[in-house]
Amino acid sequence: MMSVMAAVMEGPLADLSSWQPTECSIAKAIELVGTRSAILILREAYYGTTRFDGFAQRVGITDAAAATQLRKLTEAGLLTKQPYREEGKRTRHEYVLTPKGRDLLPAVLALMQWGDTYLQPGPPPLLLVEEATGAPVRVQVRSDAGREIALDELAVRLNPDYLDTIRPRKRAKR
């Protein structure tokens, strides 16, 4: 029999049948960046692509799909539009990562790392390294103290600050 490793659900979260993840941050993130084209546009932004045509061509999507995803990512604040103008041509816009977009980098790199491990038939096509030293870079789950945390060492608990924000809403509904 295989033992099941899972996070430690604390307090009222321990009984999974007694609550629903209605305000799930994972679900909200997937709603925003959970399509193939959205995540690949972000990949391209991390690689330095900034122009509309570059995104459409490198991701391999239609102009309409690129426009839709770039608009969605811009409206969500992951990218910002900045005007540029080539000599003799009209002003156009390029798309640049915002701090919010850069903060998503670990999640995208974690997907890449997982794909390298489980989906590539041989060595991964790209390596993530620190530019200055060439040392390998990996995404890991670590505590603030720097200790790597395994899934069965991870505890999930209700956030009291979140509870404080929803209590006034519940009282107002009565």
Protein backbone atom coordinates (compact mmCIF):
# COMPACT_ATOMS: atom_id res chain seq x y z
CA MET A 1 0.00 0.00 0.00
CA MET A 2 1.34 3.41 -0.97
CA SER A 3 1.27 6.10 1.70
CA VAL A 4 -0.35 9.36 0.71
CA MET A 5 1.80 12.42 1.23
CA ALA A 6 -0.21 15.58 1.60
CA ALA A 7 0.01 18.96 3.22
CA VAL A 8 -1.06 19.16 6.85
CA MET A 9 -4.45 20.84 6.92
CA GLU A 10 -4.90 22.62 10.24
CA GLY A 11 -7.91 23.52 12.36
CA PRO A 12 -11.23 23.69 10.52
CA LEU A 13 -9.43 22.91 7.24
CA ALA A 14 -8.58 19.37 8.41
CA ASP A 15 -12.07 18.12 7.49
CA LEU A 16 -11.99 18.64 3.72
CA SER A 17 -15.68 17.78 3.44
CA SER A 18 -16.68 20.69 5.68
CA TRP A 19 -15.40 23.57 3.56
CA GLN A 20 -14.99 24.69 -0.06
CA PRO A 21 -12.01 26.63 -1.49
CA THR A 22 -14.29 29.43 -2.74
CA GLU A 23 -11.66 32.19 -2.66
CA CYS A 24 -8.82 29.98 -3.94
CA SER A 25 -5.81 32.00 -5.11
CA ILE A 26 -4.75 29.15 -7.41
CA ALA A 27 -8.12 29.25 -9.19
CA LYS A 28 -7.87 33.03 -9.56
CA ALA A 29 -4.34 32.78 -10.99
CA ILE A 30 -5.33 30.03 -13.43
CA GLU A 31 -8.30 32.14 -14.55
CA LEU A 32 -5.81 34.85 -15.53
CA VAL A 33 -2.80 32.94 -16.89
CA GLY A 34 -4.07 29.37 -17.29
CA THR A 35 -4.19 29.22 -21.06
CA ARG A 36 -1.34 27.96 -23.21
CA SER A 37 -1.08 31.27 -25.06
CA ALA A 38 -1.07 33.39 -21.88
CA ILE A 39 1.71 31.44 -20.20
CA LEU A 40 3.77 31.33 -23.40
CA ILE A 41 3.37 35.08 -23.89
CA LEU A 42 4.74 35.50 -20.37
CA ARG A 43 7.61 33.13 -21.24
CA GLU A 44 8.42 35.32 -24.22
CA ALA A 45 8.26 38.49 -22.11
CA TYR A 46 10.79 36.90 -19.72
CA TYR A 47 12.98 36.08 -22.74
CA GLY A 48 12.84 39.72 -23.89
CA THR A 49 10.10 39.77 -26.53
CA THR A 50 8.27 43.11 -26.42
CA ARG A 51 6.59 43.57 -29.79
CA PHE A 52 3.16 42.29 -30.81
CA ASP A 53 4.43 40.52 -33.94
CA GLY A 54 7.18 38.85 -31.92
CA PHE A 55 4.72 37.43 -29.42
CA ALA A 56 2.37 36.09 -32.11
CA GLN A 57 5.20 34.57 -34.14
CA ARG A 58 7.22 33.06 -31.27
CA VAL A 59 4.17 31.64 -29.48
CA GLY A 60 2.71 30.41 -32.77
CA ILE A 61 -0.72 31.99 -32.39
CA THR A 62 -2.91 34.15 -34.59
CA ASP A 63 -2.82 37.93 -34.35
CA ALA A 64 -6.34 37.80 -32.88
CA ALA A 65 -5.28 35.37 -30.14
CA ALA A 66 -2.17 37.43 -29.39
CA ALA A 67 -4.24 40.62 -29.19
CA THR A 68 -6.73 38.98 -26.81
CA GLN A 69 -4.06 37.61 -24.47
CA LEU A 70 -1.92 40.76 -24.52
CA ARG A 71 -5.00 42.85 -23.70
CA LYS A 72 -5.94 40.50 -20.85
CA LEU A 73 -2.41 40.45 -19.39
CA THR A 74 -2.15 44.24 -19.73
CA GLU A 75 -5.55 44.87 -18.11
CA ALA A 76 -4.52 42.56 -15.25
CA GLY A 77 -1.33 44.58 -14.73
CA LEU A 78 1.23 41.89 -15.68
CA LEU A 79 2.34 43.81 -18.77
CA THR A 80 2.27 47.49 -19.60
CA LYS A 81 2.11 49.11 -23.03
CA GLN A 82 4.81 51.61 -23.90
CA PRO A 83 4.86 53.62 -27.12
CA TYR A 84 7.74 53.33 -29.57
CA ARG A 85 8.28 54.66 -33.04
CA GLU A 86 10.62 53.47 -35.74
CA GLU A 87 11.89 56.18 -38.06
CA GLY A 88 9.40 56.92 -40.81
CA LYS A 89 6.67 54.77 -39.28
CA ARG A 90 3.65 55.37 -37.07
CA THR A 91 3.81 55.10 -33.28
CA ARG A 92 3.17 51.58 -32.01
CA HIS A 93 3.27 49.91 -28.60
CA GLU A 94 5.55 47.36 -27.04
CA TYR A 95 4.66 45.21 -24.04
CA VAL A 96 6.92 45.29 -20.99
CA LEU A 97 6.70 43.26 -17.79
CA THR A 98 5.50 45.08 -14.70
CA PRO A 99 6.63 44.14 -11.17
CA LYS A 100 3.43 42.06 -10.92
CA GLY A 101 4.41 40.21 -14.09
CA ARG A 102 8.00 39.69 -12.92
CA ASP A 103 6.70 38.30 -9.62
CA LEU A 104 5.07 35.44 -11.56
CA LEU A 105 8.50 34.25 -12.77
CA PRO A 106 8.98 31.55 -10.09
CA ALA A 107 5.66 29.92 -11.03
CA VAL A 108 6.56 29.87 -14.73
CA LEU A 109 10.05 28.55 -14.01
CA ALA A 110 8.55 25.87 -11.73
CA LEU A 111 6.40 24.70 -14.68
CA MET A 112 9.50 24.62 -16.87
CA GLN A 113 11.47 22.70 -14.26
CA TRP A 114 8.65 20.16 -13.85
CA GLY A 115 8.40 19.76 -17.63
CA ASP A 116 12.17 19.27 -17.87
CA THR A 117 11.98 16.50 -15.26
CA TYR A 118 8.85 14.65 -16.36
CA LEU A 119 8.07 15.52 -19.98
CA GLN A 120 11.41 15.71 -21.81
CA PRO A 121 12.66 12.39 -23.23
CA GLY A 122 16.27 13.37 -22.54
CA PRO A 123 18.17 16.39 -21.28
CA PRO A 124 16.13 19.61 -21.14
CA PRO A 125 16.59 21.97 -24.09
CA LEU A 126 17.44 24.98 -21.89
CA LEU A 127 19.33 25.39 -18.65
CA LEU A 128 18.54 27.93 -15.96
CA VAL A 129 21.76 29.36 -14.54
CA GLU A 130 22.92 32.38 -12.61
CA GLU A 131 24.41 34.69 -15.23
CA ALA A 132 27.40 35.78 -13.15
CA THR A 133 28.53 32.31 -12.05
CA GLY A 134 26.86 29.78 -14.34
CA ALA A 135 25.53 27.99 -11.24
CA PRO A 136 22.27 26.07 -11.80
CA VAL A 137 19.06 27.78 -10.66
CA ARG A 138 16.10 25.82 -9.26
CA VAL A 139 12.69 26.78 -7.94
CA GLN A 140 12.10 25.27 -4.50
CA VAL A 141 9.65 25.53 -1.62
CA ARG A 142 11.59 26.96 1.33
CA SER A 143 10.73 28.47 4.68
CA ASP A 144 11.76 32.05 5.49
CA ALA A 145 14.63 30.46 7.43
CA GLY A 146 15.85 28.87 4.18
CA ARG A 147 14.95 25.25 4.93
CA GLU A 148 13.52 23.22 2.04
CA ILE A 149 9.98 22.09 2.90
CA ALA A 150 8.53 18.79 1.63
CA LEU A 151 4.82 18.47 0.89
CA ASP A 152 4.11 16.52 4.09
CA GLU A 153 5.94 19.24 6.09
CA LEU A 154 3.78 22.01 4.66
CA ALA A 155 0.92 23.19 6.88
CA VAL A 156 -2.11 25.02 5.52
CA ARG A 157 -4.08 27.16 7.94
CA LEU A 158 -6.68 29.88 7.82
CA ASN A 159 -5.18 33.35 7.60
CA PRO A 160 -6.49 35.46 10.50
CA ASP A 161 -5.97 38.66 8.48
CA TYR A 162 -8.23 37.26 5.75
CA LEU A 163 -10.84 36.26 8.33
CA ASP A 164 -10.79 39.83 9.69
CA THR A 165 -11.61 41.15 6.20
CA ILE A 166 -14.59 38.85 5.64
CA ARG A 167 -16.18 39.12 9.09
CA PRO A 168 -17.54 42.65 8.49
CA ARG A 169 -19.04 41.44 5.17
CA LYS A 170 -20.80 38.56 6.92
CA ARG A 171 -22.21 40.87 9.60
CA ALA A 172 -23.45 43.32 6.95
CA LYS A 173 -25.39 40.54 5.18
CA ARG A 174 -27.46 39.73 8.29
